[in-house]
Amino acid sequence: MQITDLRSDTVTRPTPAMLQTMFSAEVGDDVYGEDATVNALEAKTAILFGMEAGLFCPSGTMTNQIAIKVHTQPLTEVICDITSHIYQYEGGGIAFNSGASTALVHGTRGKMTPEQVEAHIRPLDNVHFPETKLVSLENTCNKGGGTFYTLAEIAAIADICRRHRLALHLDGARVFNALVASGDDAQDYGRYFDSISVCLSKGLGAPVGSVLLGSSDFIRRARRVRKVLGGGMRQAGYLAAACLYALDNHVGRLQEDHRKAKEIEAALLQTDYVESVLPVETNIVIFKLNDKYSDKAFVNALANRGIRAASFGPQMIRFVTHLDVTEEMLQHTLQVLQALIEAPAATS
């Protein structure tokens, strides 16, 4: 049975052309700064986003946590949406790595407004509160169903941060999905963010890797934190080569993932077992089941028909389209979703 894996866009595997690029990479010891392919990736990504320098790391969690560590210190605070990845899915790293606290904003589908950000800034003259130091945005917003901040929305929040002398970080877990959907220019991001985490192992299909971007001084300090966290890799150019290939070949095709997600959304809205679907903006589809199926029973029903999906909370399911979901797999998924209308009800 052919398996269609919709659990996440992290499940992609290198294409044959990507693998060939990896095999032929020029490598050296990156901790000594001697891996030419890593250096090329860091420079290319920095230029792409209008930043001075970059730092290649194994994961987006590491790039986020390094950025937070450099921007903050104990007794300071990070403003972020309550659904954000840095708060929900990075193991309590803000507290563990940085000794900082979090001010949690109840935004709309993962997005905070400038007014909400400003309302969560602590008064500097009150010793009862931590000092606000950093604001973190997420593009796209995972738990929001792939929503994204446009450049105009980013600019408005950046203005708040500048006026209050706060750093602004972007968790760019799916930043290229946001750019493709919005039509915004990545180069403009460097005007607003003090640091950016660019993940290359999701929609772009690289097997491993994220690049942290910032000023030259910021990256110098970040490199020291990466070493302490165990992220100083050696002949990492084999991995960086895959990321370079992804940047050169896989950005434009993200619109295909978005189209497939919209087709799945349309199919779900025609079923009798879906209560609601978050409006699809990029490649993430989050929907709520009614009582015909429990989330566990629904995931099992899909698995029995060759489709892997993720439960995303009580009665909530997430699908993510990606590089490895072919047109044939999409059509099979649409057929299964239709067939489950006629299937016997199951709640366990």
C-alpha atoms as a PDB file:
ATOM      1  CA  MET A   1       0.000   0.000   0.000  1.00  0.00           C
ATOM      2  CA  GLN A   2       1.315   3.442  -0.916  1.00  0.00           C
ATOM      3  CA  ILE A   3       1.529   5.680   2.167  1.00  0.00           C
ATOM      4  CA  THR A   4       0.516   9.325   2.030  1.00  0.00           C
ATOM      5  CA  ASP A   5       2.118  11.026   5.020  1.00  0.00           C
ATOM      6  CA  LEU A   6       0.286  14.212   5.984  1.00  0.00           C
ATOM      7  CA  ARG A   7       1.501  14.378   9.584  1.00  0.00           C
ATOM      8  CA  SER A   8       4.015  17.135   8.874  1.00  0.00           C
ATOM      9  CA  ASP A   9       6.225  18.668   6.202  1.00  0.00           C
ATOM     10  CA  THR A  10       9.214  17.519   8.274  1.00  0.00           C
ATOM     11  CA  VAL A  11       8.792  13.993   6.844  1.00  0.00           C
ATOM     12  CA  THR A  12      10.148  14.897   3.397  1.00  0.00           C
ATOM     13  CA  ARG A  13      13.148  13.020   2.054  1.00  0.00           C
ATOM     14  CA  PRO A  14      15.931  14.351  -0.171  1.00  0.00           C
ATOM     15  CA  THR A  15      15.219  14.161  -3.882  1.00  0.00           C
ATOM     16  CA  PRO A  16      17.738  12.280  -6.070  1.00  0.00           C
ATOM     17  CA  ALA A  17      19.141  15.587  -7.337  1.00  0.00           C
ATOM     18  CA  MET A  18      19.485  16.886  -3.772  1.00  0.00           C
ATOM     19  CA  LEU A  19      21.310  13.715  -2.725  1.00  0.00           C
ATOM     20  CA  GLN A  20      23.729  14.055  -5.629  1.00  0.00           C
ATOM     21  CA  THR A  21      24.455  17.626  -4.574  1.00  0.00           C
ATOM     22  CA  MET A  22      25.134  16.426  -1.035  1.00  0.00           C
ATOM     23  CA  PHE A  23      27.522  13.718  -2.200  1.00  0.00           C
ATOM     24  CA  SER A  24      29.594  16.217  -4.166  1.00  0.00           C
ATOM     25  CA  ALA A  25      29.748  18.946  -1.503  1.00  0.00           C
ATOM     26  CA  GLU A  26      33.030  20.627  -0.626  1.00  0.00           C
ATOM     27  CA  VAL A  27      33.462  20.257   3.134  1.00  0.00           C
ATOM     28  CA  GLY A  28      35.796  21.213   5.948  1.00  0.00           C
ATOM     29  CA  ASP A  29      35.610  21.685   9.711  1.00  0.00           C
ATOM     30  CA  ASP A  30      32.821  24.176  10.342  1.00  0.00           C
ATOM     31  CA  VAL A  31      33.823  24.830  13.963  1.00  0.00           C
ATOM     32  CA  TYR A  32      37.073  26.206  12.524  1.00  0.00           C
ATOM     33  CA  GLY A  33      35.034  28.109   9.934  1.00  0.00           C
ATOM     34  CA  GLU A  34      36.567  25.996   7.159  1.00  0.00           C
ATOM     35  CA  ASP A  35      33.516  24.362   5.591  1.00  0.00           C
ATOM     36  CA  ALA A  36      33.069  26.186   2.300  1.00  0.00           C
ATOM     37  CA  THR A  37      29.540  24.868   1.728  1.00  0.00           C
ATOM     38  CA  VAL A  38      28.333  25.932   5.175  1.00  0.00           C
ATOM     39  CA  ASN A  39      29.909  29.344   4.647  1.00  0.00           C
ATOM     40  CA  ALA A  40      28.145  29.649   1.296  1.00  0.00           C
ATOM     41  CA  LEU A  41      24.782  28.710   2.808  1.00  0.00           C
ATOM     42  CA  GLU A  42      25.132  31.203   5.658  1.00  0.00           C
ATOM     43  CA  ALA A  43      26.137  34.004   3.295  1.00  0.00           C
ATOM     44  CA  LYS A  44      23.412  33.218   0.739  1.00  0.00           C
ATOM     45  CA  THR A  45      20.652  33.104   3.346  1.00  0.00           C
ATOM     46  CA  ALA A  46      21.815  36.318   4.997  1.00  0.00           C
ATOM     47  CA  ILE A  47      21.834  38.162   1.680  1.00  0.00           C
ATOM     48  CA  LEU A  48      18.434  36.749   0.786  1.00  0.00           C
ATOM     49  CA  PHE A  49      16.879  38.240   3.942  1.00  0.00           C
ATOM     50  CA  GLY A  50      18.856  41.470   4.004  1.00  0.00           C
ATOM     51  CA  MET A  51      20.896  40.524   7.065  1.00  0.00           C
ATOM     52  CA  GLU A  52      24.638  40.762   7.728  1.00  0.00           C
ATOM     53  CA  ALA A  53      25.486  37.186   8.733  1.00  0.00           C
ATOM     54  CA  GLY A  54      24.169  33.694   9.330  1.00  0.00           C
ATOM     55  CA  LEU A  55      24.795  30.631  11.486  1.00  0.00           C
ATOM     56  CA  PHE A  56      23.942  27.092  10.354  1.00  0.00           C
ATOM     57  CA  CYS A  57      22.363  24.898  13.046  1.00  0.00           C
ATOM     58  CA  PRO A  58      20.791  21.429  13.187  1.00  0.00           C
ATOM     59  CA  SER A  59      17.253  22.623  13.937  1.00  0.00           C
ATOM     60  CA  GLY A  60      14.845  25.515  14.160  1.00  0.00           C
ATOM     61  CA  THR A  61      14.492  24.888  17.865  1.00  0.00           C
ATOM     62  CA  MET A  62      18.212  25.483  18.270  1.00  0.00           C
ATOM     63  CA  THR A  63      18.215  28.668  16.190  1.00  0.00           C
ATOM     64  CA  ASN A  64      15.235  30.011  18.143  1.00  0.00           C
ATOM     65  CA  GLN A  65      16.766  29.159  21.490  1.00  0.00           C
ATOM     66  CA  ILE A  66      20.141  30.628  20.577  1.00  0.00           C
ATOM     67  CA  ALA A  67      18.459  33.853  19.489  1.00  0.00           C
ATOM     68  CA  ILE A  68      16.495  34.101  22.726  1.00  0.00           C
ATOM     69  CA  LYS A  69      19.635  33.416  24.753  1.00  0.00           C
ATOM     70  CA  VAL A  70      21.558  36.187  22.986  1.00  0.00           C
ATOM     71  CA  HIS A  71      18.714  38.708  23.225  1.00  0.00           C
ATOM     72  CA  THR A  72      17.800  38.096  26.883  1.00  0.00           C
ATOM     73  CA  GLN A  73      19.180  37.406  30.319  1.00  0.00           C
ATOM     74  CA  PRO A  74      17.618  36.212  33.599  1.00  0.00           C
ATOM     75  CA  LEU A  75      14.951  38.559  34.975  1.00  0.00           C
ATOM     76  CA  THR A  76      13.870  39.567  31.470  1.00  0.00           C
ATOM     77  CA  GLU A  77      10.818  38.536  29.475  1.00  0.00           C
ATOM     78  CA  VAL A  78       9.827  37.438  25.970  1.00  0.00           C
ATOM     79  CA  ILE A  79       6.484  38.488  24.457  1.00  0.00           C
ATOM     80  CA  CYS A  80       4.978  35.803  22.221  1.00  0.00           C
ATOM     81  CA  ASP A  81       1.625  34.360  21.242  1.00  0.00           C
ATOM     82  CA  ILE A  82       0.384  31.618  23.561  1.00  0.00           C
ATOM     83  CA  THR A  83       0.309  29.143  20.657  1.00  0.00           C
ATOM     84  CA  SER A  84       3.830  29.934  19.466  1.00  0.00           C
ATOM     85  CA  HIS A  85       6.323  27.144  18.881  1.00  0.00           C
ATOM     86  CA  ILE A  86       8.965  28.692  21.144  1.00  0.00           C
ATOM     87  CA  TYR A  87       6.519  28.395  24.046  1.00  0.00           C
ATOM     88  CA  GLN A  88       4.553  25.242  23.211  1.00  0.00           C
ATOM     89  CA  TYR A  89       7.034  22.908  21.532  1.00  0.00           C
ATOM     90  CA  GLU A  90      10.592  23.700  22.564  1.00  0.00           C
ATOM     91  CA  GLY A  91      10.646  21.872  25.868  1.00  0.00           C
ATOM     92  CA  GLY A  92      10.505  24.911  28.133  1.00  0.00           C
ATOM     93  CA  GLY A  93      13.768  26.060  26.598  1.00  0.00           C
ATOM     94  CA  ILE A  94      13.193  29.751  27.291  1.00  0.00           C
ATOM     95  CA  ALA A  95      13.322  29.055  31.021  1.00  0.00           C
ATOM     96  CA  PHE A  96      15.961  26.318  30.864  1.00  0.00           C
ATOM     97  CA  ASN A  97      18.408  27.965  28.476  1.00  0.00           C
ATOM     98  CA  SER A  98      17.881  31.660  29.142  1.00  0.00           C
ATOM     99  CA  GLY A  99      16.296  31.975  32.583  1.00  0.00           C
ATOM    100  CA  ALA A 100      13.766  34.332  31.032  1.00  0.00           C
ATOM    101  CA  SER A 101      10.010  34.407  31.487  1.00  0.00           C
ATOM    102  CA  THR A 102       7.257  34.711  28.896  1.00  0.00           C
ATOM    103  CA  ALA A 103       4.397  37.160  28.495  1.00  0.00           C
ATOM    104  CA  LEU A 104       1.748  35.201  26.625  1.00  0.00           C
ATOM    105  CA  VAL A 105      -0.549  36.987  24.205  1.00  0.00           C
ATOM    106  CA  HIS A 106      -3.913  35.542  23.152  1.00  0.00           C
ATOM    107  CA  GLY A 107      -3.715  36.547  19.526  1.00  0.00           C
ATOM    108  CA  THR A 108      -5.899  35.466  16.619  1.00  0.00           C
ATOM    109  CA  ARG A 109      -4.771  32.169  15.125  1.00  0.00           C
ATOM    110  CA  GLY A 110      -1.237  32.725  16.325  1.00  0.00           C
ATOM    111  CA  LYS A 111      -0.932  36.361  15.270  1.00  0.00           C
ATOM    112  CA  MET A 112      -0.512  39.274  17.658  1.00  0.00           C
ATOM    113  CA  THR A 113      -1.548  42.831  16.899  1.00  0.00           C
ATOM    114  CA  PRO A 114       0.689  45.829  17.608  1.00  0.00           C
ATOM    115  CA  GLU A 115      -1.772  46.904  20.294  1.00  0.00           C
ATOM    116  CA  GLN A 116      -1.540  43.522  22.012  1.00  0.00           C
ATOM    117  CA  VAL A 117       2.247  43.609  21.921  1.00  0.00           C
ATOM    118  CA  GLU A 118       2.375  47.100  23.406  1.00  0.00           C
ATOM    119  CA  ALA A 119      -0.114  46.162  26.126  1.00  0.00           C
ATOM    120  CA  HIS A 120       2.217  43.375  27.313  1.00  0.00           C
ATOM    121  CA  ILE A 121       5.328  45.546  27.689  1.00  0.00           C
ATOM    122  CA  ARG A 122       6.254  45.826  31.379  1.00  0.00           C
ATOM    123  CA  PRO A 123       6.839  49.197  33.044  1.00  0.00           C
ATOM    124  CA  LEU A 124      10.558  49.640  33.661  1.00  0.00           C
ATOM    125  CA  ASP A 125      10.112  51.388  37.016  1.00  0.00           C
ATOM    126  CA  ASN A 126       8.242  48.521  38.713  1.00  0.00           C
ATOM    127  CA  VAL A 127      10.531  45.939  40.310  1.00  0.00           C
ATOM    128  CA  HIS A 128       7.680  43.446  40.661  1.00  0.00           C
ATOM    129  CA  PHE A 129       7.902  42.660  36.943  1.00  0.00           C
ATOM    130  CA  PRO A 130      10.572  41.207  34.704  1.00  0.00           C
ATOM    131  CA  GLU A 131      12.022  43.585  32.119  1.00  0.00           C
ATOM    132  CA  THR A 132      10.535  43.158  28.658  1.00  0.00           C
ATOM    133  CA  LYS A 133      13.401  42.470  26.274  1.00  0.00           C
ATOM    134  CA  LEU A 134      12.218  40.562  23.205  1.00  0.00           C
ATOM    135  CA  VAL A 135       9.185  40.092  20.974  1.00  0.00           C
ATOM    136  CA  SER A 136       8.964  36.893  18.932  1.00  0.00           C
ATOM    137  CA  LEU A 137       6.723  36.318  15.900  1.00  0.00           C
ATOM    138  CA  GLU A 138       6.130  33.065  14.022  1.00  0.00           C
ATOM    139  CA  ASN A 139       5.753  32.770  10.253  1.00  0.00           C
ATOM    140  CA  THR A 140       3.805  30.763   9.426  1.00  0.00           C
ATOM    141  CA  CYS A 141       1.815  30.125  12.622  1.00  0.00           C
ATOM    142  CA  ASN A 142       1.642  26.363  13.059  1.00  0.00           C
ATOM    143  CA  LYS A 143      -1.215  26.131  15.550  1.00  0.00           C
ATOM    144  CA  GLY A 144      -2.991  28.938  13.733  1.00  0.00           C
ATOM    145  CA  GLY A 145      -3.333  26.713  10.690  1.00  0.00           C
ATOM    146  CA  GLY A 146      -0.573  28.240   8.587  1.00  0.00           C
ATOM    147  CA  THR A 147      -1.518  31.888   9.025  1.00  0.00           C
ATOM    148  CA  PHE A 148       1.167  34.462   8.378  1.00  0.00           C
ATOM    149  CA  TYR A 149       2.178  38.022   9.125  1.00  0.00           C
ATOM    150  CA  THR A 150       2.410  40.256   6.081  1.00  0.00           C
ATOM    151  CA  LEU A 151       5.255  42.721   5.769  1.00  0.00           C
ATOM    152  CA  ALA A 152       2.916  45.589   6.679  1.00  0.00           C
ATOM    153  CA  GLU A 153       1.874  43.794   9.892  1.00  0.00           C
ATOM    154  CA  ILE A 154       5.502  43.066  10.727  1.00  0.00           C
ATOM    155  CA  ALA A 155       6.433  46.715  10.166  1.00  0.00           C
ATOM    156  CA  ALA A 156       3.762  47.901  12.614  1.00  0.00           C
ATOM    157  CA  ILE A 157       5.006  45.575  15.358  1.00  0.00           C
ATOM    158  CA  ALA A 158       8.623  46.469  14.584  1.00  0.00           C
ATOM    159  CA  ASP A 159       7.737  50.125  15.142  1.00  0.00           C
ATOM    160  CA  ILE A 160       6.451  49.287  18.634  1.00  0.00           C
ATOM    161  CA  CYS A 161       9.655  47.383  19.363  1.00  0.00           C
ATOM    162  CA  ARG A 162      11.902  50.228  18.202  1.00  0.00           C
ATOM    163  CA  ARG A 163      10.042  52.793  20.282  1.00  0.00           C
ATOM    164  CA  HIS A 164      10.413  50.634  23.383  1.00  0.00           C
ATOM    165  CA  ARG A 165      13.945  49.464  22.559  1.00  0.00           C
ATOM    166  CA  LEU A 166      12.955  45.819  22.280  1.00  0.00           C
ATOM    167  CA  ALA A 167      14.527  43.221  20.025  1.00  0.00           C
ATOM    168  CA  LEU A 168      12.305  41.534  17.430  1.00  0.00           C
ATOM    169  CA  HIS A 169      12.861  37.883  16.485  1.00  0.00           C
ATOM    170  CA  LEU A 170      11.198  35.809  13.780  1.00  0.00           C
ATOM    171  CA  ASP A 171      10.663  32.081  14.126  1.00  0.00           C
ATOM    172  CA  GLY A 172      10.634  31.499  10.379  1.00  0.00           C
ATOM    173  CA  ALA A 173       9.691  27.843  10.593  1.00  0.00           C
ATOM    174  CA  ARG A 174       7.763  28.116   7.321  1.00  0.00           C
ATOM    175  CA  VAL A 175       8.830  31.585   6.286  1.00  0.00           C
ATOM    176  CA  PHE A 176       9.035  30.694   2.598  1.00  0.00           C
ATOM    177  CA  ASN A 177       5.413  29.530   2.667  1.00  0.00           C
ATOM    178  CA  ALA A 178       4.529  32.958   4.038  1.00  0.00           C
ATOM    179  CA  LEU A 179       6.586  34.741   1.387  1.00  0.00           C
ATOM    180  CA  VAL A 180       5.129  32.719  -1.479  1.00  0.00           C
ATOM    181  CA  ALA A 181       1.576  33.270  -0.223  1.00  0.00           C
ATOM    182  CA  SER A 182       1.967  36.983   0.516  1.00  0.00           C
ATOM    183  CA  GLY A 183       4.217  37.961  -2.362  1.00  0.00           C
ATOM    184  CA  ASP A 184       6.421  39.891   0.068  1.00  0.00           C
ATOM    185  CA  ASP A 185      10.164  40.194  -0.544  1.00  0.00           C
ATOM    186  CA  ALA A 186      12.469  38.355   1.874  1.00  0.00           C
ATOM    187  CA  GLN A 187      15.034  41.154   1.483  1.00  0.00           C
ATOM    188  CA  ASP A 188      12.699  43.510   3.332  1.00  0.00           C
ATOM    189  CA  TYR A 189      12.685  41.338   6.452  1.00  0.00           C
ATOM    190  CA  GLY A 190      16.148  42.583   7.367  1.00  0.00           C
ATOM    191  CA  ARG A 191      14.692  46.086   7.831  1.00  0.00           C
ATOM    192  CA  TYR A 192      12.492  44.963  10.695  1.00  0.00           C
ATOM    193  CA  PHE A 193      13.920  41.931  12.489  1.00  0.00           C
ATOM    194  CA  ASP A 194      16.950  41.788  14.753  1.00  0.00           C
ATOM    195  CA  SER A 195      17.175  38.037  14.243  1.00  0.00           C
ATOM    196  CA  ILE A 196      15.520  35.483  11.987  1.00  0.00           C
ATOM    197  CA  SER A 197      15.415  31.701  12.204  1.00  0.00           C
ATOM    198  CA  VAL A 198      15.074  30.253   8.695  1.00  0.00           C
ATOM    199  CA  CYS A 199      14.076  26.585   8.657  1.00  0.00           C
ATOM    200  CA  LEU A 200      15.024  24.584   5.563  1.00  0.00           C
ATOM    201  CA  SER A 201      13.887  21.097   6.602  1.00  0.00           C
ATOM    202  CA  LYS A 202      10.128  21.558   6.259  1.00  0.00           C
ATOM    203  CA  GLY A 203       8.519  22.770   3.038  1.00  0.00           C
ATOM    204  CA  LEU A 204      11.847  23.199   1.265  1.00  0.00           C
ATOM    205  CA  GLY A 205      12.625  19.518   1.809  1.00  0.00           C
ATOM    206  CA  ALA A 206      16.180  19.554   3.176  1.00  0.00           C
ATOM    207  CA  PRO A 207      16.795  16.635   5.579  1.00  0.00           C
ATOM    208  CA  VAL A 208      18.313  18.790   8.348  1.00  0.00           C
ATOM    209  CA  GLY A 209      19.018  22.393   9.076  1.00  0.00           C
ATOM    210  CA  SER A 210      18.086  25.961   9.946  1.00  0.00           C
ATOM    211  CA  VAL A 211      20.029  29.197   9.598  1.00  0.00           C
ATOM    212  CA  LEU A 212      19.994  31.919  12.250  1.00  0.00           C
ATOM    213  CA  LEU A 213      20.397  35.418  10.814  1.00  0.00           C
ATOM    214  CA  GLY A 214      21.357  38.712  12.407  1.00  0.00           C
ATOM    215  CA  SER A 215      24.057  41.363  12.574  1.00  0.00           C
ATOM    216  CA  SER A 216      27.688  40.284  12.457  1.00  0.00           C
ATOM    217  CA  ASP A 217      28.064  40.969  16.181  1.00  0.00           C
ATOM    218  CA  PHE A 218      24.866  39.064  17.001  1.00  0.00           C
ATOM    219  CA  ILE A 219      26.038  36.019  15.032  1.00  0.00           C
ATOM    220  CA  ARG A 220      29.460  36.181  16.686  1.00  0.00           C
ATOM    221  CA  ARG A 221      27.759  35.863  20.073  1.00  0.00           C
ATOM    222  CA  ALA A 222      25.319  33.276  18.731  1.00  0.00           C
ATOM    223  CA  ARG A 223      28.194  31.089  17.539  1.00  0.00           C
ATOM    224  CA  ARG A 224      29.462  30.818  21.111  1.00  0.00           C
ATOM    225  CA  VAL A 225      25.996  29.785  22.361  1.00  0.00           C
ATOM    226  CA  ARG A 226      25.705  27.215  19.550  1.00  0.00           C
ATOM    227  CA  LYS A 227      28.959  25.633  20.733  1.00  0.00           C
ATOM    228  CA  VAL A 228      27.716  25.435  24.330  1.00  0.00           C
ATOM    229  CA  LEU A 229      24.469  23.789  23.182  1.00  0.00           C
ATOM    230  CA  GLY A 230      26.421  21.151  21.260  1.00  0.00           C
ATOM    231  CA  GLY A 231      25.498  22.500  17.851  1.00  0.00           C
ATOM    232  CA  GLY A 232      29.035  22.965  16.552  1.00  0.00           C
ATOM    233  CA  MET A 233      29.087  20.428  13.728  1.00  0.00           C
ATOM    234  CA  ARG A 234      32.202  19.485  11.786  1.00  0.00           C
ATOM    235  CA  GLN A 235      31.897  18.455   8.101  1.00  0.00           C
ATOM    236  CA  ALA A 236      28.393  19.887   8.004  1.00  0.00           C
ATOM    237  CA  GLY A 237      28.688  20.886   4.367  1.00  0.00           C
ATOM    238  CA  TYR A 238      26.995  17.659   3.306  1.00  0.00           C
ATOM    239  CA  LEU A 239      23.882  18.915   5.089  1.00  0.00           C
ATOM    240  CA  ALA A 240      24.348  22.522   4.050  1.00  0.00           C
ATOM    241  CA  ALA A 241      24.527  21.413   0.407  1.00  0.00           C
ATOM    242  CA  ALA A 242      21.006  20.027   0.685  1.00  0.00           C
ATOM    243  CA  CYS A 243      19.843  23.358   2.104  1.00  0.00           C
ATOM    244  CA  LEU A 244      21.481  25.286  -0.739  1.00  0.00           C
ATOM    245  CA  TYR A 245      19.806  23.008  -3.255  1.00  0.00           C
ATOM    246  CA  ALA A 246      16.462  23.553  -1.515  1.00  0.00           C
ATOM    247  CA  LEU A 247      16.864  27.334  -1.658  1.00  0.00           C
ATOM    248  CA  ASP A 248      17.709  27.196  -5.347  1.00  0.00           C
ATOM    249  CA  ASN A 249      15.046  24.702  -6.426  1.00  0.00           C
ATOM    250  CA  HIS A 250      12.181  24.267  -3.959  1.00  0.00           C
ATOM    251  CA  VAL A 251      10.872  27.723  -3.054  1.00  0.00           C
ATOM    252  CA  GLY A 252       8.673  28.384  -6.068  1.00  0.00           C
ATOM    253  CA  ARG A 253       7.010  24.995  -5.908  1.00  0.00           C
ATOM    254  CA  LEU A 254       5.530  25.752  -2.456  1.00  0.00           C
ATOM    255  CA  GLN A 255       2.495  27.158  -4.240  1.00  0.00           C
ATOM    256  CA  GLU A 256       1.707  23.563  -5.257  1.00  0.00           C
ATOM    257  CA  ASP A 257       1.548  22.575  -1.578  1.00  0.00           C
ATOM    258  CA  HIS A 258      -0.785  25.502  -0.942  1.00  0.00           C
ATOM    259  CA  ARG A 259      -3.054  24.451  -3.809  1.00  0.00           C
ATOM    260  CA  LYS A 260      -3.252  20.894  -2.520  1.00  0.00           C
ATOM    261  CA  ALA A 261      -4.096  22.117   0.977  1.00  0.00           C
ATOM    262  CA  LYS A 262      -6.932  24.224  -0.455  1.00  0.00           C
ATOM    263  CA  GLU A 263      -8.319  21.197  -2.311  1.00  0.00           C
ATOM    264  CA  ILE A 264      -8.287  19.185   0.906  1.00  0.00           C
ATOM    265  CA  GLU A 265     -10.024  22.059   2.701  1.00  0.00           C
ATOM    266  CA  ALA A 266     -12.762  22.110   0.055  1.00  0.00           C
ATOM    267  CA  ALA A 267     -13.257  18.354   0.358  1.00  0.00           C
ATOM    268  CA  LEU A 268     -13.486  18.483   4.153  1.00  0.00           C
ATOM    269  CA  LEU A 269     -16.162  21.157   3.999  1.00  0.00           C
ATOM    270  CA  GLN A 270     -18.340  18.755   1.987  1.00  0.00           C
ATOM    271  CA  THR A 271     -18.258  15.980   4.590  1.00  0.00           C
ATOM    272  CA  ASP A 272     -20.715  15.169   7.353  1.00  0.00           C
ATOM    273  CA  TYR A 273     -18.078  14.494  10.021  1.00  0.00           C
ATOM    274  CA  VAL A 274     -16.237  17.830  10.057  1.00  0.00           C
ATOM    275  CA  GLU A 275     -17.567  20.552  12.329  1.00  0.00           C
ATOM    276  CA  SER A 276     -15.229  23.301  11.128  1.00  0.00           C
ATOM    277  CA  VAL A 277     -12.019  23.963   9.200  1.00  0.00           C
ATOM    278  CA  LEU A 278      -9.602  26.789   9.894  1.00  0.00           C
ATOM    279  CA  PRO A 279      -9.349  28.824   6.667  1.00  0.00           C
ATOM    280  CA  VAL A 280      -6.372  27.491   4.717  1.00  0.00           C
ATOM    281  CA  GLU A 281      -3.757  30.100   3.804  1.00  0.00           C
ATOM    282  CA  THR A 282      -0.657  28.014   3.137  1.00  0.00           C
ATOM    283  CA  ASN A 283       0.106  24.283   3.506  1.00  0.00           C
ATOM    284  CA  ILE A 284      -1.495  23.484   6.877  1.00  0.00           C
ATOM    285  CA  VAL A 285      -5.069  22.204   7.237  1.00  0.00           C
ATOM    286  CA  ILE A 286      -6.518  22.074  10.770  1.00  0.00           C
ATOM    287  CA  PHE A 287     -10.070  20.907  11.277  1.00  0.00           C
ATOM    288  CA  LYS A 288     -12.432  19.866  14.057  1.00  0.00           C
ATOM    289  CA  LEU A 289     -14.445  16.656  13.924  1.00  0.00           C
ATOM    290  CA  ASN A 290     -18.010  16.340  15.134  1.00  0.00           C
ATOM    291  CA  ASP A 291     -19.074  13.344  17.190  1.00  0.00           C
ATOM    292  CA  LYS A 292     -19.257  10.906  14.262  1.00  0.00           C
ATOM    293  CA  TYR A 293     -15.573  10.159  14.803  1.00  0.00           C
ATOM    294  CA  SER A 294     -13.234  10.641  17.725  1.00  0.00           C
ATOM    295  CA  ASP A 295      -9.887  12.049  16.692  1.00  0.00           C
ATOM    296  CA  LYS A 296      -8.243   8.704  17.485  1.00  0.00           C
ATOM    297  CA  ALA A 297     -10.783   6.749  15.439  1.00  0.00           C
ATOM    298  CA  PHE A 298     -10.437   9.150  12.525  1.00  0.00           C
ATOM    299  CA  VAL A 299      -6.644   8.889  12.496  1.00  0.00           C
ATOM    300  CA  ASN A 300      -6.963   5.093  12.605  1.00  0.00           C
ATOM    301  CA  ALA A 301      -9.507   5.102   9.776  1.00  0.00           C
ATOM    302  CA  LEU A 302      -7.112   7.109   7.648  1.00  0.00           C
ATOM    303  CA  ALA A 303      -4.188   4.846   8.544  1.00  0.00           C
ATOM    304  CA  ASN A 304      -6.154   1.803   7.438  1.00  0.00           C
ATOM    305  CA  ARG A 305      -6.506   3.485   4.054  1.00  0.00           C
ATOM    306  CA  GLY A 306      -2.851   4.434   3.675  1.00  0.00           C
ATOM    307  CA  ILE A 307      -2.936   7.997   5.015  1.00  0.00           C
ATOM    308  CA  ARG A 308      -0.986   9.216   8.033  1.00  0.00           C
ATOM    309  CA  ALA A 309      -2.338  12.211   9.939  1.00  0.00           C
ATOM    310  CA  ALA A 310      -1.776  13.859  13.306  1.00  0.00           C
ATOM    311  CA  SER A 311      -4.242  14.434  16.108  1.00  0.00           C
ATOM    312  CA  PHE A 312      -3.873  18.074  17.130  1.00  0.00           C
ATOM    313  CA  GLY A 313      -5.941  18.116  20.300  1.00  0.00           C
ATOM    314  CA  PRO A 314      -9.398  16.871  21.312  1.00  0.00           C
ATOM    315  CA  GLN A 315     -11.346  16.276  18.065  1.00  0.00           C
ATOM    316  CA  MET A 316      -8.726  18.267  16.148  1.00  0.00           C
ATOM    317  CA  ILE A 317      -6.771  16.925  13.176  1.00  0.00           C
ATOM    318  CA  ARG A 318      -3.882  18.462  11.243  1.00  0.00           C
ATOM    319  CA  PHE A 319      -2.860  17.732   7.649  1.00  0.00           C
ATOM    320  CA  VAL A 320       0.293  19.263   6.148  1.00  0.00           C
ATOM    321  CA  THR A 321       1.005  19.108   2.424  1.00  0.00           C
ATOM    322  CA  HIS A 322       4.602  19.017   1.227  1.00  0.00           C
ATOM    323  CA  LEU A 323       7.156  18.044  -1.407  1.00  0.00           C
ATOM    324  CA  ASP A 324       6.517  14.291  -1.115  1.00  0.00           C
ATOM    325  CA  VAL A 325       2.724  14.487  -1.529  1.00  0.00           C
ATOM    326  CA  THR A 326       2.191  13.712  -5.198  1.00  0.00           C
ATOM    327  CA  GLU A 327      -0.884  14.507  -7.271  1.00  0.00           C
ATOM    328  CA  GLU A 328      -1.799  10.825  -7.100  1.00  0.00           C
ATOM    329  CA  MET A 329      -1.581  10.918  -3.302  1.00  0.00           C
ATOM    330  CA  LEU A 330      -3.746  14.030  -3.213  1.00  0.00           C
ATOM    331  CA  GLN A 331      -6.453  12.390  -5.311  1.00  0.00           C
ATOM    332  CA  HIS A 332      -6.331   9.286  -3.100  1.00  0.00           C
ATOM    333  CA  THR A 333      -6.734  11.491  -0.015  1.00  0.00           C
ATOM    334  CA  LEU A 334      -9.732  13.273  -1.499  1.00  0.00           C
ATOM    335  CA  GLN A 335     -11.338   9.926  -2.346  1.00  0.00           C
ATOM    336  CA  VAL A 336     -10.775   8.609   1.183  1.00  0.00           C
ATOM    337  CA  LEU A 337     -12.275  11.735   2.745  1.00  0.00           C
ATOM    338  CA  GLN A 338     -15.371  11.226   0.592  1.00  0.00           C
ATOM    339  CA  ALA A 339     -15.534   7.509   1.387  1.00  0.00           C
ATOM    340  CA  LEU A 340     -15.496   8.183   5.135  1.00  0.00           C
ATOM    341  CA  ILE A 341     -18.847   9.915   4.780  1.00  0.00           C
ATOM    342  CA  GLU A 342     -20.402   6.521   4.027  1.00  0.00           C
ATOM    343  CA  ALA A 343     -18.291   4.576   6.511  1.00  0.00           C
ATOM    344  CA  PRO A 344     -19.899   3.381   9.780  1.00  0.00           C
ATOM    345  CA  ALA A 345     -19.588   5.875  12.598  1.00  0.00           C
ATOM    346  CA  ALA A 346     -16.675   5.245  14.966  1.00  0.00           C
ATOM    347  CA  THR A 347     -15.839   7.042  18.169  1.00  0.00           C
ATOM    348  CA  SER A 348     -12.987   4.989  19.617  1.00  0.00           C
END
